[in-house]
Amino acid sequence: MLKNKIGCLIAAIFLIGGASVLYAQGDVPNAVLGAEQNIGGDCPVASAIEPDTGVLWVLMDNCGSDLVALQRFDMNTGTLLDPVPLITDDVDFETFFTLTLMNPLAFALDGSLRLYGILNESETLISFAIDPATGELTAHPDGDDSLNAFLGQFTSYIGYSVTFSPDHTYATVLDDDGLLLTVVNIASQEVLLEVEGIQAAFAPNNGLLYAAAFTEPDNINSDASIVSVYSLPDGELLTSVEMPIPTIYPSPDGRYAVLATDRFEGGLYILGHAELSVLDLETGTTSPRQLIGTGPRPALTCVNDGRSIADLNMTTGGDLPLIAVHWLADSSGFITVNSHGGQITNTGCVLEYSRLRQYSISGG
């Protein structure tokens, strides 16, 4: 039963909070949507913040197998900066893919932009350095061999079991039974600690690790979790917090966490009904949930080329999958990256555009 729950978690990215969780009373935080940026008809698959610049880099693909560009945005204003097309002579994009949950894109501590992918054939990791000025990708096969051999000690499914920290300094590896997370230092290939859990999140400054374990692992209808917070790199357990779901996006100051819940009925994901809320970790109160998607609605024009399709009687799915959450450095708000999820007809008509959203936190 546990493996079934974990399989659903990976397939759907976020699980709905199916159990009632009681929190202490207190001021309720609120996530206020302030602005929304249209980021085009391609699909974002990964993103990273460039240190000390306030620039958000978003990796886009063609909603299929080909990476197409790096979009750059000012995090404070949402302004689109000049995009950087991806260039490579050595890599066939169809040989690998990226998995959003693993945090594949990051600016490393040395300032370089790094990308991890999963090879289709072996399901092991492949890594690239990206030149931010030109978009050129350079593979590192020797380093990949060493890293895959190291991570292979803890799992048989390397590509699907690894979650990287925001600067790719650390990673967690989930064991084959879905019960144990091994926390490692990527550069030194050292084990830092082993913790119970099925999923983990790193604070943006890498100072904290949040490891989630189901409270009822044999109950497929409950996603209630206990999230244990550890300091890094020493691994000291700081606290444990009840959560309605295991997937969270913690703020830099450790006070808040963004929660994203999907809706399932009869084991099926219901498009357009995913919800976002903010949990105050100090008081245990949660903001009102708000829809992430738009809900199904008539599609009148192609957002990529302006063609009218009003006479075709088409509707959009209304789903805008959450690809990433990036907190502002002062924890006063956050940015979300939302994909249109491939809402494209066989004639190349894109029914929705992907989005960059800016939220602020009030109350709490």
Protein backbone atom coordinates (compact mmCIF):
# COMPACT_ATOMS: atom_id res chain seq x y z
CA MET A 1 0.00 0.00 0.00
CA LEU A 2 2.82 2.42 0.83
CA LYS A 3 4.44 1.91 -2.57
CA ASN A 4 1.09 2.67 -4.21
CA LYS A 5 0.89 5.94 -2.30
CA ILE A 6 4.40 6.94 -3.31
CA GLY A 7 3.69 6.05 -6.92
CA CYS A 8 0.67 8.35 -6.91
CA LEU A 9 2.80 11.07 -5.31
CA ILE A 10 5.39 10.95 -8.08
CA ALA A 11 2.86 10.66 -10.88
CA ALA A 12 0.64 13.52 -9.75
CA ILE A 13 3.38 15.67 -8.11
CA PHE A 14 1.12 16.88 -5.31
CA LEU A 15 -1.45 14.95 -3.30
CA ILE A 16 -4.65 16.30 -1.84
CA GLY A 17 -4.87 16.74 1.93
CA GLY A 18 -7.49 14.11 2.62
CA ALA A 19 -7.50 14.17 6.43
CA SER A 20 -8.71 16.78 8.86
CA VAL A 21 -5.73 18.25 10.73
CA LEU A 22 -6.29 20.43 13.80
CA TYR A 23 -3.98 23.40 14.40
CA ALA A 24 -3.63 25.89 17.21
CA GLN A 25 -5.69 29.04 16.96
CA GLY A 26 -3.97 32.25 15.91
CA ASP A 27 -3.90 34.99 13.33
CA VAL A 28 -4.51 33.53 9.90
CA PRO A 29 -1.96 34.34 7.18
CA ASN A 30 -3.18 35.23 3.72
CA ALA A 31 -1.52 34.74 0.34
CA VAL A 32 -2.39 37.73 -1.85
CA LEU A 33 -1.96 37.40 -5.61
CA GLY A 34 -0.53 40.71 -6.75
CA ALA A 35 0.54 40.25 -10.36
CA GLU A 36 0.56 37.65 -13.09
CA GLN A 37 2.94 37.49 -16.04
CA ASN A 38 2.24 35.69 -19.32
CA ILE A 39 5.38 33.66 -20.06
CA GLY A 40 4.26 32.21 -23.38
CA GLY A 41 3.04 29.02 -24.99
CA ASP A 42 5.99 26.81 -24.05
CA CYS A 43 6.08 24.75 -20.83
CA PRO A 44 8.36 25.63 -17.88
CA VAL A 45 10.07 22.54 -16.47
CA ALA A 46 12.55 24.01 -13.96
CA SER A 47 13.66 27.33 -12.48
CA ALA A 48 16.38 28.87 -10.32
CA ILE A 49 17.18 32.20 -8.69
CA GLU A 50 20.45 33.87 -9.68
CA PRO A 51 22.14 34.87 -6.38
CA ASP A 52 22.30 38.57 -5.45
CA THR A 53 20.49 39.68 -8.60
CA GLY A 54 16.77 39.08 -8.05
CA VAL A 55 16.64 37.37 -11.45
CA LEU A 56 14.58 34.21 -11.86
CA TRP A 57 15.69 31.83 -14.62
CA VAL A 58 13.01 29.53 -16.07
CA LEU A 59 13.88 26.56 -18.26
CA MET A 60 11.27 26.05 -21.00
CA ASP A 61 10.57 23.11 -23.29
CA ASN A 62 8.18 22.76 -26.21
CA CYS A 63 5.76 20.78 -24.05
CA GLY A 64 7.41 17.69 -25.46
CA SER A 65 11.02 16.54 -25.53
CA ASP A 66 13.02 19.58 -26.67
CA LEU A 67 14.37 22.25 -24.33
CA VAL A 68 13.98 25.55 -26.16
CA ALA A 69 15.07 28.52 -24.05
CA LEU A 70 15.94 30.03 -20.71
CA GLN A 71 13.52 32.80 -19.82
CA ARG A 72 14.71 35.42 -17.34
CA PHE A 73 12.47 37.54 -15.11
CA ASP A 74 12.93 40.28 -12.54
CA MET A 75 11.51 38.68 -9.38
CA ASN A 76 10.41 42.02 -7.95
CA THR A 77 8.48 43.28 -10.97
CA GLY A 78 7.83 40.17 -13.06
CA THR A 79 9.43 41.91 -16.03
CA LEU A 80 10.58 39.59 -18.82
CA LEU A 81 14.27 40.04 -19.59
CA ASP A 82 16.03 38.86 -22.73
CA PRO A 83 15.59 35.07 -23.18
CA VAL A 84 18.61 32.85 -23.81
CA PRO A 85 18.15 30.10 -26.45
CA LEU A 86 19.67 26.74 -25.54
CA ILE A 87 22.56 25.64 -27.75
CA THR A 88 24.34 22.29 -27.87
CA ASP A 89 26.16 20.30 -30.51
CA ASP A 90 26.83 17.27 -28.32
CA VAL A 91 23.51 16.36 -26.74
CA ASP A 92 20.37 14.92 -28.28
CA PHE A 93 17.51 16.35 -26.23
CA GLU A 94 15.41 13.27 -26.94
CA THR A 95 17.83 11.08 -24.96
CA PHE A 96 16.97 12.65 -21.59
CA PHE A 97 14.24 14.52 -19.75
CA THR A 98 13.95 16.69 -16.68
CA LEU A 99 11.83 15.94 -13.61
CA THR A 100 10.48 18.98 -11.80
CA LEU A 101 10.40 17.34 -8.36
CA MET A 102 14.16 16.81 -8.33
CA ASN A 103 14.94 20.57 -8.55
CA PRO A 104 17.05 20.04 -11.69
CA LEU A 105 18.18 23.65 -12.33
CA ALA A 106 20.37 25.64 -9.94
CA PHE A 107 23.07 28.25 -9.56
CA ALA A 108 25.87 26.47 -7.71
CA LEU A 109 27.99 28.15 -5.04
CA ASP A 110 30.70 28.89 -7.64
CA GLY A 111 28.17 30.91 -9.66
CA SER A 112 27.77 28.38 -12.47
CA LEU A 113 24.34 27.38 -13.77
CA ARG A 114 23.78 23.61 -13.52
CA LEU A 115 21.14 21.29 -14.91
CA TYR A 116 20.40 17.65 -14.10
CA GLY A 117 18.43 15.38 -16.41
CA ILE A 118 17.43 11.72 -16.45
CA LEU A 119 18.63 9.50 -19.28
CA ASN A 120 15.75 7.68 -20.97
CA GLU A 121 17.64 4.42 -21.42
CA SER A 122 19.31 3.94 -18.04
CA GLU A 123 17.18 6.25 -15.84
CA THR A 124 20.40 7.55 -14.30
CA LEU A 125 21.48 11.19 -14.01
CA ILE A 126 23.16 13.33 -16.64
CA SER A 127 24.43 16.81 -15.80
CA PHE A 128 25.24 19.96 -17.75
CA ALA A 129 26.84 23.31 -17.19
CA ILE A 130 24.92 26.13 -18.91
CA ASP A 131 26.62 29.31 -20.05
CA PRO A 132 24.20 32.06 -18.88
CA ALA A 133 25.40 34.39 -21.64
CA THR A 134 24.96 32.04 -24.61
CA GLY A 135 22.81 29.15 -23.40
CA GLU A 136 25.45 26.61 -24.43
CA LEU A 137 25.20 23.26 -22.61
CA THR A 138 28.31 21.28 -21.71
CA ALA A 139 27.96 17.70 -20.44
CA HIS A 140 30.15 16.15 -17.72
CA PRO A 141 30.13 12.38 -18.31
CA ASP A 142 33.01 11.55 -15.98
CA GLY A 143 31.42 13.34 -13.05
CA ASP A 144 28.06 11.75 -13.87
CA ASP A 145 29.52 8.24 -13.70
CA SER A 146 30.99 8.91 -10.27
CA LEU A 147 27.79 10.48 -8.91
CA ASN A 148 25.56 7.72 -10.27
CA ALA A 149 27.79 5.08 -8.70
CA PHE A 150 27.62 6.89 -5.37
CA LEU A 151 23.83 7.39 -5.40
CA GLY A 152 23.29 3.84 -6.63
CA GLN A 153 24.31 2.58 -3.17
CA PHE A 154 21.00 3.88 -1.78
CA THR A 155 18.47 3.25 -4.56
CA SER A 156 17.89 1.25 -7.73
CA TYR A 157 15.95 4.16 -9.25
CA ILE A 158 18.42 7.02 -9.16
CA GLY A 159 16.68 9.43 -11.50
CA TYR A 160 13.35 9.18 -9.69
CA SER A 161 14.64 9.14 -6.12
CA VAL A 162 16.84 12.24 -5.87
CA THR A 163 15.85 15.74 -4.72
CA PHE A 164 18.50 18.46 -4.90
CA SER A 165 18.86 21.51 -2.68
CA PRO A 166 18.40 24.97 -4.27
CA ASP A 167 22.14 25.30 -5.00
CA HIS A 168 22.80 21.59 -5.64
CA THR A 169 25.07 21.35 -2.59
CA TYR A 170 22.96 18.65 -0.95
CA ALA A 171 20.50 16.01 -2.09
CA THR A 172 18.18 13.46 -0.55
CA VAL A 173 17.87 9.92 -1.92
CA LEU A 174 14.75 7.83 -1.25
CA ASP A 175 15.36 4.12 -0.75
CA ASP A 176 13.56 1.46 -2.78
CA ASP A 177 11.07 0.74 0.01
CA GLY A 178 10.02 4.39 0.17
CA LEU A 179 10.76 4.66 3.88
CA LEU A 180 14.24 6.15 4.30
CA LEU A 181 15.85 9.35 3.02
CA THR A 182 19.63 9.54 2.86
CA VAL A 183 20.97 13.11 2.90
CA VAL A 184 24.24 13.54 1.03
CA ASN A 185 26.77 16.20 0.12
CA ILE A 186 27.01 16.12 -3.69
CA ALA A 187 30.55 17.48 -4.12
CA SER A 188 32.24 15.38 -1.43
CA GLN A 189 29.91 12.38 -1.89
CA GLU A 190 29.50 12.07 1.86
CA VAL A 191 26.47 10.86 3.79
CA LEU A 192 25.27 13.50 6.26
CA LEU A 193 22.35 11.67 7.87
CA GLU A 194 19.55 9.18 7.36
CA VAL A 195 15.99 10.13 8.26
CA GLU A 196 12.57 8.53 8.04
CA GLY A 197 10.50 10.00 5.25
CA ILE A 198 9.14 9.73 1.73
CA GLN A 199 9.83 13.26 0.51
CA ALA A 200 12.02 16.20 1.49
CA ALA A 201 12.38 19.92 0.92
CA PHE A 202 15.34 22.20 1.55
CA ALA A 203 15.03 25.73 2.87
CA PRO A 204 16.23 28.27 0.28
CA ASN A 205 19.38 29.02 2.29
CA ASN A 206 20.17 25.31 2.77
CA GLY A 207 20.14 25.74 6.53
CA LEU A 208 17.16 23.46 7.10
CA LEU A 209 15.87 20.15 5.79
CA TYR A 210 12.16 19.28 5.95
CA ALA A 211 11.56 15.52 5.79
CA ALA A 212 7.96 14.31 5.46
CA ALA A 213 6.56 10.91 6.44
CA PHE A 214 2.94 9.77 6.15
CA THR A 215 1.20 9.46 9.51
CA GLU A 216 -0.99 6.66 8.10
CA PRO A 217 1.20 4.96 5.48
CA ASP A 218 -1.30 2.14 4.91
CA ASN A 219 -4.26 4.48 4.36
CA ILE A 220 -4.30 5.48 0.70
CA ASN A 221 -7.07 8.01 1.40
CA SER A 222 -5.00 10.03 3.86
CA ASP A 223 -2.00 12.20 2.99
CA ALA A 224 -1.61 13.68 6.47
CA SER A 225 2.09 13.82 7.29
CA ILE A 226 4.60 14.57 9.98
CA VAL A 227 7.32 16.91 8.73
CA SER A 228 10.54 16.78 10.75
CA VAL A 229 12.88 19.76 10.53
CA TYR A 230 16.64 19.19 10.72
CA SER A 231 19.54 21.62 10.69
CA LEU A 232 22.27 21.10 8.11
CA PRO A 233 24.92 19.91 7.90
CA ASP A 234 24.92 18.58 11.50
CA GLY A 235 21.52 16.86 11.22
CA GLU A 236 20.11 18.02 14.56
CA LEU A 237 16.34 17.46 14.84
CA LEU A 238 14.78 20.85 15.63
CA THR A 239 11.05 20.18 15.58
CA SER A 240 8.24 18.13 14.02
CA VAL A 241 5.08 19.63 12.56
CA GLU A 242 1.77 18.13 11.39
CA MET A 243 0.95 18.82 7.74
CA PRO A 244 -2.07 17.91 5.60
CA ILE A 245 0.26 16.86 2.75
CA PRO A 246 3.93 15.86 2.44
CA THR A 247 4.89 18.40 -0.27
CA ILE A 248 5.84 21.85 1.05
CA TYR A 249 7.83 24.91 0.01
CA PRO A 250 9.39 26.43 3.16
CA SER A 251 10.26 30.12 3.47
CA PRO A 252 13.85 31.30 4.12
CA ASP A 253 13.04 32.38 7.69
CA GLY A 254 11.42 29.05 8.52
CA ARG A 255 8.09 30.59 9.50
CA TYR A 256 5.89 29.77 6.50
CA ALA A 257 5.37 26.97 4.03
CA VAL A 258 3.42 27.02 0.79
CA LEU A 259 1.15 24.00 0.40
CA ALA A 260 -0.22 22.83 -2.94
CA THR A 261 -3.02 20.26 -2.92
CA ASP A 262 -4.60 18.43 -5.82
CA ARG A 263 -8.07 16.93 -5.96
CA PHE A 264 -8.61 13.23 -6.54
CA GLU A 265 -11.90 11.44 -6.97
CA GLY A 266 -12.02 7.68 -7.37
CA GLY A 267 -8.23 7.62 -7.70
CA LEU A 268 -8.29 10.10 -10.62
CA TYR A 269 -6.75 13.56 -10.69
CA ILE A 270 -9.41 16.24 -11.31
CA LEU A 271 -8.06 18.88 -13.68
CA GLY A 272 -8.32 22.52 -12.72
CA HIS A 273 -8.99 21.97 -9.01
CA ALA A 274 -5.50 22.17 -7.46
CA GLU A 275 -5.34 24.66 -4.59
CA LEU A 276 -2.64 26.78 -2.95
CA SER A 277 -2.42 27.89 0.68
CA VAL A 278 0.18 29.12 3.17
CA LEU A 279 0.82 27.48 6.53
CA ASP A 280 2.20 29.54 9.42
CA LEU A 281 4.58 27.09 11.09
CA GLU A 282 4.67 29.14 14.30
CA THR A 283 0.92 29.25 14.94
CA GLY A 284 -0.22 26.25 12.91
CA THR A 285 -2.85 28.32 11.08
CA THR A 286 -3.44 28.01 7.35
CA SER A 287 -4.54 30.64 4.88
CA PRO A 288 -7.76 30.14 2.88
CA ARG A 289 -7.17 27.85 -0.09
CA GLN A 290 -7.35 29.38 -3.54
CA LEU A 291 -7.48 27.72 -6.94
CA ILE A 292 -4.21 27.41 -8.83
CA GLY A 293 -5.92 26.82 -12.18
CA THR A 294 -8.64 28.79 -13.90
CA GLY A 295 -11.18 26.00 -14.15
CA PRO A 296 -12.48 24.83 -17.55
CA ARG A 297 -13.58 27.70 -19.81
CA PRO A 298 -14.27 28.32 -23.50
CA ALA A 299 -11.20 28.60 -25.74
CA LEU A 300 -11.83 31.42 -28.22
CA THR A 301 -8.37 32.13 -29.64
CA CYS A 302 -4.96 30.47 -29.86
CA VAL A 303 -2.76 32.29 -27.37
CA ASN A 304 0.39 31.61 -29.43
CA ASP A 305 -0.73 33.05 -32.78
CA GLY A 306 -4.10 34.74 -32.27
CA ARG A 307 -6.12 32.39 -34.49
CA SER A 308 -9.83 32.41 -33.77
CA ILE A 309 -11.26 29.04 -32.73
CA ALA A 310 -14.56 30.37 -31.43
CA ASP A 311 -16.50 28.26 -33.93
CA LEU A 312 -14.85 25.00 -32.79
CA ASN A 313 -16.62 24.85 -29.42
CA MET A 314 -13.42 24.00 -27.53
CA THR A 315 -12.68 24.41 -23.84
CA THR A 316 -9.44 24.58 -21.92
CA GLY A 317 -8.77 22.11 -19.13
CA GLY A 318 -8.23 24.99 -16.74
CA ASP A 319 -5.24 23.25 -15.17
CA LEU A 320 -2.06 25.26 -14.47
CA PRO A 321 0.37 22.80 -12.83
CA LEU A 322 2.62 24.35 -10.21
CA ILE A 323 6.21 23.89 -11.37
CA ALA A 324 8.07 25.84 -8.69
CA VAL A 325 7.74 28.16 -5.71
CA HIS A 326 10.47 30.70 -4.97
CA TRP A 327 10.31 32.77 -1.79
CA LEU A 328 11.57 36.34 -1.62
CA ALA A 329 14.69 36.65 0.52
CA ASP A 330 12.80 38.42 3.34
CA SER A 331 9.96 35.83 3.33
CA SER A 332 7.40 38.58 2.64
CA GLY A 333 6.09 36.80 -0.43
CA PHE A 334 6.84 34.29 -3.13
CA ILE A 335 6.82 33.65 -6.87
CA THR A 336 5.14 30.67 -8.49
CA VAL A 337 5.91 29.25 -11.91
CA ASN A 338 2.86 27.64 -13.54
CA SER A 339 2.79 25.59 -16.74
CA HIS A 340 -0.21 25.30 -19.04
CA GLY A 341 0.60 21.59 -19.01
CA GLY A 342 0.54 20.98 -22.76
CA GLN A 343 -2.91 22.34 -23.65
CA ILE A 344 -2.15 22.29 -27.38
CA THR A 345 -4.26 21.01 -30.28
CA ASN A 346 -2.94 18.82 -33.09
CA THR A 347 -2.87 21.94 -35.30
CA GLY A 348 -0.40 23.69 -32.99
CA CYS A 349 -2.98 25.94 -31.34
CA VAL A 350 -1.97 26.67 -27.72
CA LEU A 351 -5.13 27.09 -25.62
CA GLU A 352 -3.47 28.50 -22.50
CA TYR A 353 -0.27 30.35 -21.66
CA SER A 354 2.15 29.54 -18.87
CA ARG A 355 2.38 31.99 -16.01
CA LEU A 356 4.62 33.67 -13.46
CA ARG A 357 2.69 34.82 -10.39
CA GLN A 358 3.68 37.09 -7.51
CA TYR A 359 2.17 36.63 -4.06
CA SER A 360 2.59 38.64 -0.87
CA ILE A 361 1.88 37.46 2.68
CA SER A 362 -0.46 39.45 4.89
CA GLY A 363 -1.67 38.75 8.43
CA GLY A 364 -0.23 35.82 10.35
